[in-house]
Structures are given as C-alpha cells and as structure tokens.
C-alpha cells in the first residue's frame, strides 16, 4: 500500500510540474490529497465503521458478517 501511495503522489507531482494552467495544477493536487487521505481513512477507520454497522444491523434483526481481515497498520500512518 505504501508503494501505491508513493506512486500516486509521484505521478500527481509530475503532472503538476507539467501543468500549464493553475486549474489543472489544483486538480492534480486534489487527486493527490484525496488519495492520501482515502488510504489513511481506510486503514484507520474501516474496521470501526464495519463493526458499528454490524452492531446496528444486529439490533434491527439483520445478521451481518463483515469480512474483515487482520490488517496491520503501516508504520507512520498517522
């Protein structure tokens, strides 16, 4: 996952360097920030929301079994 984030940010930075207009530069910056925050959000909050959704569904009478994997957080994720 760290390789994906590094590659995403590198490619966005390369596109930003070649951008002729400020609007394109901002778009690539937005892609980079959303991608990085999305990866952070997945690793930090996915299991919390999946367990919460399963608990709420259980209270309503629906049995959910979220397929959660044991994922180790990457070093320095925060």
PDB file of N, CA and C in Angstrom:
ATOM      1  N   UNK A   1       0.824  -1.185   0.000  1.00  0.00           N
ATOM      2  CA  UNK A   1       0.000   0.000   0.000  1.00  0.00           C
ATOM      3  C   UNK A   1       0.871   1.252   0.000  1.00  0.00           C
ATOM      4  N   UNK A   2       1.978   1.184   0.706  1.00  0.00           N
ATOM      5  CA  UNK A   2       2.879   2.340   0.738  1.00  0.00           C
ATOM      6  C   UNK A   2       3.417   2.629  -0.661  1.00  0.00           C
ATOM      7  N   UNK A   3       3.676   1.568  -1.432  1.00  0.00           N
ATOM      8  CA  UNK A   3       4.159   1.743  -2.795  1.00  0.00           C
ATOM      9  C   UNK A   3       3.100   2.432  -3.650  1.00  0.00           C
ATOM     10  N   UNK A   4       1.841   2.046  -3.464  1.00  0.00           N
ATOM     11  CA  UNK A   4       0.748   2.676  -4.216  1.00  0.00           C
ATOM     12  C   UNK A   4       0.651   4.162  -3.896  1.00  0.00           C
ATOM     13  N   UNK A   5       0.715   4.507  -2.607  1.00  0.00           N
ATOM     14  CA  UNK A   5       0.617   5.910  -2.207  1.00  0.00           C
ATOM     15  C   UNK A   5       1.798   6.712  -2.753  1.00  0.00           C
ATOM     16  N   UNK A   6       2.975   6.145  -2.692  1.00  0.00           N
ATOM     17  CA  UNK A   6       4.156   6.831  -3.213  1.00  0.00           C
ATOM     18  C   UNK A   6       4.046   7.048  -4.712  1.00  0.00           C
ATOM     19  N   UNK A   7       3.611   6.024  -5.426  1.00  0.00           N
ATOM     20  CA  UNK A   7       3.463   6.132  -6.879  1.00  0.00           C
ATOM     21  C   UNK A   7       2.390   7.150  -7.248  1.00  0.00           C
ATOM     22  N   UNK A   8       1.268   7.134  -6.523  1.00  0.00           N
ATOM     23  CA  UNK A   8       0.200   8.093  -6.782  1.00  0.00           C
ATOM     24  C   UNK A   8       0.690   9.528  -6.604  1.00  0.00           C
ATOM     25  N   UNK A   9       1.360   9.781  -5.494  1.00  0.00           N
ATOM     26  CA  UNK A   9       1.839  11.141  -5.229  1.00  0.00           C
ATOM     27  C   UNK A   9       2.938  11.558  -6.202  1.00  0.00           C
ATOM     28  N   UNK A  10       3.792  10.627  -6.597  1.00  0.00           N
ATOM     29  CA  UNK A  10       4.837  10.948  -7.572  1.00  0.00           C
ATOM     30  C   UNK A  10       4.222  11.318  -8.925  1.00  0.00           C
ATOM     31  N   UNK A  11       3.270  10.508  -9.377  1.00  0.00           N
ATOM     32  CA  UNK A  11       2.650  10.785 -10.679  1.00  0.00           C
ATOM     33  C   UNK A  11       1.859  12.088 -10.658  1.00  0.00           C
ATOM     34  N   UNK A  12       1.161  12.353  -9.559  1.00  0.00           N
ATOM     35  CA  UNK A  12       0.437  13.622  -9.457  1.00  0.00           C
ATOM     36  C   UNK A  12       1.406  14.801  -9.444  1.00  0.00           C
ATOM     37  N   UNK A  13       2.527  14.653  -8.749  1.00  0.00           N
ATOM     38  CA  UNK A  13       3.536  15.708  -8.733  1.00  0.00           C
ATOM     39  C   UNK A  13       4.139  15.946 -10.104  1.00  0.00           C
ATOM     40  N   UNK A  14       4.363  14.871 -10.861  1.00  0.00           N
ATOM     41  CA  UNK A  14       4.897  15.017 -12.217  1.00  0.00           C
ATOM     42  C   UNK A  14       3.896  15.739 -13.112  1.00  0.00           C
ATOM     43  N   UNK A  15       2.617  15.405 -12.965  1.00  0.00           N
ATOM     44  CA  UNK A  15       1.590  16.094 -13.746  1.00  0.00           C
ATOM     45  C   UNK A  15       1.473  17.559 -13.341  1.00  0.00           C
ATOM     46  N   UNK A  16       1.620  17.831 -12.055  1.00  0.00           N
ATOM     47  CA  UNK A  16       1.555  19.217 -11.584  1.00  0.00           C
ATOM     48  C   UNK A  16       2.706  20.036 -12.162  1.00  0.00           C
ATOM     49  N   UNK A  17       3.876  19.423 -12.274  1.00  0.00           N
ATOM     50  CA  UNK A  17       5.043  20.133 -12.812  1.00  0.00           C
ATOM     51  C   UNK A  17       4.846  20.486 -14.280  1.00  0.00           C
ATOM     52  N   UNK A  18       4.090  19.656 -14.991  1.00  0.00           N
ATOM     53  CA  UNK A  18       3.874  19.891 -16.423  1.00  0.00           C
ATOM     54  C   UNK A  18       2.621  20.723 -16.711  1.00  0.00           C
ATOM     55  N   UNK A  19       1.835  21.013 -15.694  1.00  0.00           N
ATOM     56  CA  UNK A  19       0.576  21.734 -15.899  1.00  0.00           C
ATOM     57  C   UNK A  19       0.846  23.168 -16.329  1.00  0.00           C
ATOM     58  N   UNK A  20       0.128  23.578 -17.347  1.00  0.00           N
ATOM     59  CA  UNK A  20       0.300  24.935 -17.860  1.00  0.00           C
ATOM     60  C   UNK A  20      -0.655  25.918 -17.179  1.00  0.00           C
ATOM     61  N   UNK A  21      -1.801  25.427 -16.763  1.00  0.00           N
ATOM     62  CA  UNK A  21      -2.792  26.293 -16.118  1.00  0.00           C
ATOM     63  C   UNK A  21      -2.896  25.942 -14.642  1.00  0.00           C
ATOM     64  N   UNK A  22      -3.234  26.934 -13.841  1.00  0.00           N
ATOM     65  CA  UNK A  22      -3.348  26.729 -12.395  1.00  0.00           C
ATOM     66  C   UNK A  22      -4.496  25.782 -12.049  1.00  0.00           C
ATOM     67  N   UNK A  23      -5.546  25.779 -12.870  1.00  0.00           N
ATOM     68  CA  UNK A  23      -6.684  24.908 -12.572  1.00  0.00           C
ATOM     69  C   UNK A  23      -6.300  23.435 -12.701  1.00  0.00           C
ATOM     70  N   UNK A  24      -5.469  23.107 -13.665  1.00  0.00           N
ATOM     71  CA  UNK A  24      -5.013  21.714 -13.800  1.00  0.00           C
ATOM     72  C   UNK A  24      -4.076  21.345 -12.663  1.00  0.00           C
ATOM     73  N   UNK A  25      -3.252  22.279 -12.245  1.00  0.00           N
ATOM     74  CA  UNK A  25      -2.339  22.049 -11.126  1.00  0.00           C
ATOM     75  C   UNK A  25      -3.149  21.749  -9.868  1.00  0.00           C
ATOM     76  N   UNK A  26      -4.214  22.520  -9.633  1.00  0.00           N
ATOM     77  CA  UNK A  26      -5.069  22.300  -8.463  1.00  0.00           C
ATOM     78  C   UNK A  26      -5.795  20.970  -8.536  1.00  0.00           C
ATOM     79  N   UNK A  27      -6.223  20.574  -9.720  1.00  0.00           N
ATOM     80  CA  UNK A  27      -6.903  19.285  -9.873  1.00  0.00           C
ATOM     81  C   UNK A  27      -5.985  18.129  -9.500  1.00  0.00           C
ATOM     82  N   UNK A  28      -4.742  18.175  -9.942  1.00  0.00           N
ATOM     83  CA  UNK A  28      -3.804  17.102  -9.598  1.00  0.00           C
ATOM     84  C   UNK A  28      -3.455  17.118  -8.117  1.00  0.00           C
ATOM     85  N   UNK A  29      -3.389  18.293  -7.540  1.00  0.00           N
ATOM     86  CA  UNK A  29      -3.164  18.389  -6.102  1.00  0.00           C
ATOM     87  C   UNK A  29      -4.341  17.771  -5.346  1.00  0.00           C
ATOM     88  N   UNK A  30      -5.553  18.028  -5.801  1.00  0.00           N
ATOM     89  CA  UNK A  30      -6.741  17.460  -5.180  1.00  0.00           C
ATOM     90  C   UNK A  30      -6.743  15.934  -5.286  1.00  0.00           C
ATOM     91  N   UNK A  31      -6.372  15.396  -6.428  1.00  0.00           N
ATOM     92  CA  UNK A  31      -6.294  13.937  -6.596  1.00  0.00           C
ATOM     93  C   UNK A  31      -5.283  13.346  -5.615  1.00  0.00           C
ATOM     94  N   UNK A  32      -4.156  13.992  -5.469  1.00  0.00           N
ATOM     95  CA  UNK A  32      -3.123  13.510  -4.559  1.00  0.00           C
ATOM     96  C   UNK A  32      -3.597  13.534  -3.108  1.00  0.00           C
ATOM     97  N   UNK A  33      -4.217  14.629  -2.690  1.00  0.00           N
ATOM     98  CA  UNK A  33      -4.671  14.762  -1.302  1.00  0.00           C
ATOM     99  C   UNK A  33      -5.806  13.779  -1.011  1.00  0.00           C
ATOM    100  N   UNK A  34      -6.776  13.676  -1.913  1.00  0.00           N
ATOM    101  CA  UNK A  34      -7.901  12.754  -1.702  1.00  0.00           C
ATOM    102  C   UNK A  34      -7.409  11.305  -1.663  1.00  0.00           C
ATOM    103  N   UNK A  35      -6.472  10.955  -2.516  1.00  0.00           N
ATOM    104  CA  UNK A  35      -5.916   9.601  -2.492  1.00  0.00           C
ATOM    105  C   UNK A  35      -5.199   9.295  -1.196  1.00  0.00           C
ATOM    106  N   UNK A  36      -4.390  10.219  -0.725  1.00  0.00           N
ATOM    107  CA  UNK A  36      -3.644  10.005   0.523  1.00  0.00           C
ATOM    108  C   UNK A  36      -4.576   9.937   1.731  1.00  0.00           C
ATOM    109  N   UNK A  37      -5.553  10.825   1.802  1.00  0.00           N
ATOM    110  CA  UNK A  37      -6.498  10.818   2.916  1.00  0.00           C
ATOM    111  C   UNK A  37      -7.394   9.579   2.835  1.00  0.00           C
ATOM    112  N   UNK A  38      -7.718   9.144   1.637  1.00  0.00           N
ATOM    113  CA  UNK A  38      -8.516   7.925   1.480  1.00  0.00           C
ATOM    114  C   UNK A  38      -7.793   6.696   2.006  1.00  0.00           C
ATOM    115  N   UNK A  39      -6.516   6.586   1.728  1.00  0.00           N
ATOM    116  CA  UNK A  39      -5.728   5.467   2.242  1.00  0.00           C
ATOM    117  C   UNK A  39      -5.653   5.536   3.764  1.00  0.00           C
ATOM    118  N   UNK A  40      -5.420   6.709   4.299  1.00  0.00           N
ATOM    119  CA  UNK A  40      -5.383   6.890   5.746  1.00  0.00           C
ATOM    120  C   UNK A  40      -6.720   6.514   6.372  1.00  0.00           C
ATOM    121  N   UNK A  41      -7.803   6.979   5.792  1.00  0.00           N
ATOM    122  CA  UNK A  41      -9.128   6.675   6.309  1.00  0.00           C
ATOM    123  C   UNK A  41      -9.441   5.197   6.287  1.00  0.00           C
ATOM    124  N   UNK A  42      -9.044   4.520   5.237  1.00  0.00           N
ATOM    125  CA  UNK A  42      -9.286   3.075   5.162  1.00  0.00           C
ATOM    126  C   UNK A  42      -8.565   2.355   6.294  1.00  0.00           C
ATOM    127  N   UNK A  43      -7.315   2.607   6.474  1.00  0.00           N
ATOM    128  CA  UNK A  43      -6.546   1.885   7.482  1.00  0.00           C
ATOM    129  C   UNK A  43      -6.958   2.244   8.899  1.00  0.00           C
ATOM    130  N   UNK A  44      -7.383   3.477   9.127  1.00  0.00           N
ATOM    131  CA  UNK A  44      -7.688   3.887  10.497  1.00  0.00           C
ATOM    132  C   UNK A  44      -9.140   3.645  10.889  1.00  0.00           C
ATOM    133  N   UNK A  45     -10.085   3.755   9.955  1.00  0.00           N
ATOM    134  CA  UNK A  45     -11.487   3.786  10.334  1.00  0.00           C
ATOM    135  C   UNK A  45     -12.364   2.709   9.719  1.00  0.00           C
ATOM    136  N   UNK A  46     -11.906   1.935   8.770  1.00  0.00           N
ATOM    137  CA  UNK A  46     -12.761   0.961   8.103  1.00  0.00           C
ATOM    138  C   UNK A  46     -13.323  -0.066   9.076  1.00  0.00           C
ATOM    139  N   UNK A  47     -12.469  -0.636   9.911  1.00  0.00           N
ATOM    140  CA  UNK A  47     -12.927  -1.672  10.839  1.00  0.00           C
ATOM    141  C   UNK A  47     -13.923  -1.110  11.850  1.00  0.00           C
ATOM    142  N   UNK A  48     -13.706   0.106  12.307  1.00  0.00           N
ATOM    143  CA  UNK A  48     -14.632   0.738  13.245  1.00  0.00           C
ATOM    144  C   UNK A  48     -16.018   0.870  12.637  1.00  0.00           C
ATOM    145  N   UNK A  49     -16.114   1.393  11.422  1.00  0.00           N
ATOM    146  CA  UNK A  49     -17.407   1.587  10.788  1.00  0.00           C
ATOM    147  C   UNK A  49     -18.056   0.260  10.410  1.00  0.00           C
ATOM    148  N   UNK A  50     -17.283  -0.724  10.005  1.00  0.00           N
ATOM    149  CA  UNK A  50     -17.845  -2.034   9.668  1.00  0.00           C
ATOM    150  C   UNK A  50     -18.433  -2.702  10.908  1.00  0.00           C
ATOM    151  N   UNK A  51     -17.727  -2.634  12.030  1.00  0.00           N
ATOM    152  CA  UNK A  51     -18.240  -3.221  13.272  1.00  0.00           C
ATOM    153  C   UNK A  51     -19.465  -2.464  13.773  1.00  0.00           C
ATOM    154  N   UNK A  52     -19.466  -1.152  13.651  1.00  0.00           N
ATOM    155  CA  UNK A  52     -20.614  -0.348  14.078  1.00  0.00           C
ATOM    156  C   UNK A  52     -21.847  -0.662  13.229  1.00  0.00           C
ATOM    157  N   UNK A  53     -21.669  -0.784  11.938  1.00  0.00           N
ATOM    158  CA  UNK A  53     -22.777  -1.118  11.050  1.00  0.00           C
ATOM    159  C   UNK A  53     -23.325  -2.501  11.373  1.00  0.00           C
ATOM    160  N   UNK A  54     -22.461  -3.450  11.652  1.00  0.00           N
ATOM    161  CA  UNK A  54     -22.907  -4.798  12.009  1.00  0.00           C
ATOM    162  C   UNK A  54     -23.682  -4.779  13.329  1.00  0.00           C
ATOM    163  N   UNK A  55     -23.244  -3.969  14.297  1.00  0.00           N
ATOM    164  CA  UNK A  55     -23.951  -3.880  15.581  1.00  0.00           C
ATOM    165  C   UNK A  55     -25.329  -3.246  15.416  1.00  0.00           C
ATOM    166  N   UNK A  56     -25.440  -2.210  14.601  1.00  0.00           N
ATOM    167  CA  UNK A  56     -26.740  -1.564  14.366  1.00  0.00           C
ATOM    168  C   UNK A  56     -27.665  -2.525  13.626  1.00  0.00           C
ATOM    169  N   UNK A  57     -27.150  -3.233  12.656  1.00  0.00           N
ATOM    170  CA  UNK A  57     -27.961  -4.200  11.913  1.00  0.00           C
ATOM    171  C   UNK A  57     -28.423  -5.333  12.832  1.00  0.00           C
ATOM    172  N   UNK A  58     -27.593  -5.740  13.757  1.00  0.00           N
ATOM    173  CA  UNK A  58     -27.956  -6.783  14.720  1.00  0.00           C
ATOM    174  C   UNK A  58     -29.118  -6.327  15.602  1.00  0.00           C
ATOM    175  N   UNK A  59     -29.136  -5.058  15.984  1.00  0.00           N
ATOM    176  CA  UNK A  59     -30.220  -4.528  16.803  1.00  0.00           C
ATOM    177  C   UNK A  59     -31.546  -4.523  16.043  1.00  0.00           C
ATOM    178  N   UNK A  60     -31.492  -4.365  14.742  1.00  0.00           N
ATOM    179  CA  UNK A  60     -32.692  -4.360  13.915  1.00  0.00           C
ATOM    180  C   UNK A  60     -33.135  -5.782  13.599  1.00  0.00           C
ATOM    181  N   UNK A  61     -32.248  -6.739  13.764  1.00  0.00           N
ATOM    182  CA  UNK A  61     -32.593  -8.133  13.496  1.00  0.00           C
ATOM    183  C   UNK A  61     -31.936  -8.694  12.259  1.00  0.00           C
ATOM    184  N   UNK A  62     -31.050  -7.946  11.670  1.00  0.00           N
ATOM    185  CA  UNK A  62     -30.321  -8.397  10.482  1.00  0.00           C
ATOM    186  C   UNK A  62     -28.933  -8.817  10.917  1.00  0.00           C
ATOM    187  N   UNK A  63     -28.564 -10.005  10.543  1.00  0.00           N
ATOM    188  CA  UNK A  63     -27.249 -10.503  10.924  1.00  0.00           C
ATOM    189  C   UNK A  63     -26.261 -10.259   9.777  1.00  0.00           C
ATOM    190  N   UNK A  64     -25.294  -9.412  10.041  1.00  0.00           N
ATOM    191  CA  UNK A  64     -24.238  -9.118   9.066  1.00  0.00           C
ATOM    192  C   UNK A  64     -22.926  -9.696   9.562  1.00  0.00           C
ATOM    193  N   UNK A  65     -22.168 -10.171   8.644  1.00  0.00           N
ATOM    194  CA  UNK A  65     -20.843 -10.668   8.985  1.00  0.00           C
ATOM    195  C   UNK A  65     -19.833  -9.984   8.071  1.00  0.00           C
ATOM    196  N   UNK A  66     -19.368  -8.802   8.477  1.00  0.00           N
ATOM    197  CA  UNK A  66     -18.413  -8.100   7.609  1.00  0.00           C
ATOM    198  C   UNK A  66     -17.123  -8.897   7.497  1.00  0.00           C
ATOM    199  N   UNK A  67     -16.705  -9.114   6.288  1.00  0.00           N
ATOM    200  CA  UNK A  67     -15.473  -9.866   6.051  1.00  0.00           C
ATOM    201  C   UNK A  67     -14.260  -9.006   6.335  1.00  0.00           C
ATOM    202  N   UNK A  68     -13.892  -8.925   7.592  1.00  0.00           N
ATOM    203  CA  UNK A  68     -12.753  -8.084   7.970  1.00  0.00           C
ATOM    204  C   UNK A  68     -11.498  -8.930   8.037  1.00  0.00           C
ATOM    205  N   UNK A  69     -10.457  -8.377   7.507  1.00  0.00           N
ATOM    206  CA  UNK A  69      -9.155  -9.036   7.535  1.00  0.00           C
ATOM    207  C   UNK A  69      -8.335  -8.436   8.652  1.00  0.00           C
ATOM    208  N   UNK A  70      -7.421  -9.228   9.134  1.00  0.00           N
ATOM    209  CA  UNK A  70      -6.477  -8.716  10.115  1.00  0.00           C
ATOM    210  C   UNK A  70      -5.401  -7.948   9.345  1.00  0.00           C
ATOM    211  N   UNK A  71      -5.512  -6.640   9.364  1.00  0.00           N
ATOM    212  CA  UNK A  71      -4.587  -5.786   8.627  1.00  0.00           C
ATOM    213  C   UNK A  71      -3.720  -5.020   9.599  1.00  0.00           C
ATOM    214  N   UNK A  72      -2.447  -5.153   9.445  1.00  0.00           N
ATOM    215  CA  UNK A  72      -1.526  -4.391  10.288  1.00  0.00           C
ATOM    216  C   UNK A  72      -1.413  -2.979   9.719  1.00  0.00           C
ATOM    217  N   UNK A  73      -1.457  -2.006  10.600  1.00  0.00           N
ATOM    218  CA  UNK A  73      -1.289  -0.622  10.151  1.00  0.00           C
ATOM    219  C   UNK A  73       0.129  -0.391   9.679  1.00  0.00           C
ATOM    220  N   UNK A  74       0.294   0.280   8.569  1.00  0.00           N
ATOM    221  CA  UNK A  74       1.634   0.620   8.123  1.00  0.00           C
ATOM    222  C   UNK A  74       2.318   1.559   9.122  1.00  0.00           C
ATOM    223  N   UNK A  75       3.570   1.457   9.235  1.00  0.00           N
ATOM    224  CA  UNK A  75       4.337   2.267  10.169  1.00  0.00           C
ATOM    225  C   UNK A  75       4.220   3.744   9.781  1.00  0.00           C
ATOM    226  N   UNK A  76       3.889   4.581  10.736  1.00  0.00           N
ATOM    227  CA  UNK A  76       3.795   6.015  10.497  1.00  0.00           C
ATOM    228  C   UNK A  76       2.554   6.431   9.729  1.00  0.00           C
ATOM    229  N   UNK A  77       1.459   5.692   9.827  1.00  0.00           N
ATOM    230  CA  UNK A  77       0.255   6.002   9.053  1.00  0.00           C
ATOM    231  C   UNK A  77      -0.365   7.328   9.467  1.00  0.00           C
ATOM    232  N   UNK A  78      -0.229   7.714  10.706  1.00  0.00           N
ATOM    233  CA  UNK A  78      -0.833   8.975  11.127  1.00  0.00           C
ATOM    234  C   UNK A  78       0.090  10.125  10.830  1.00  0.00           C
TER     235      UNK A  78
END
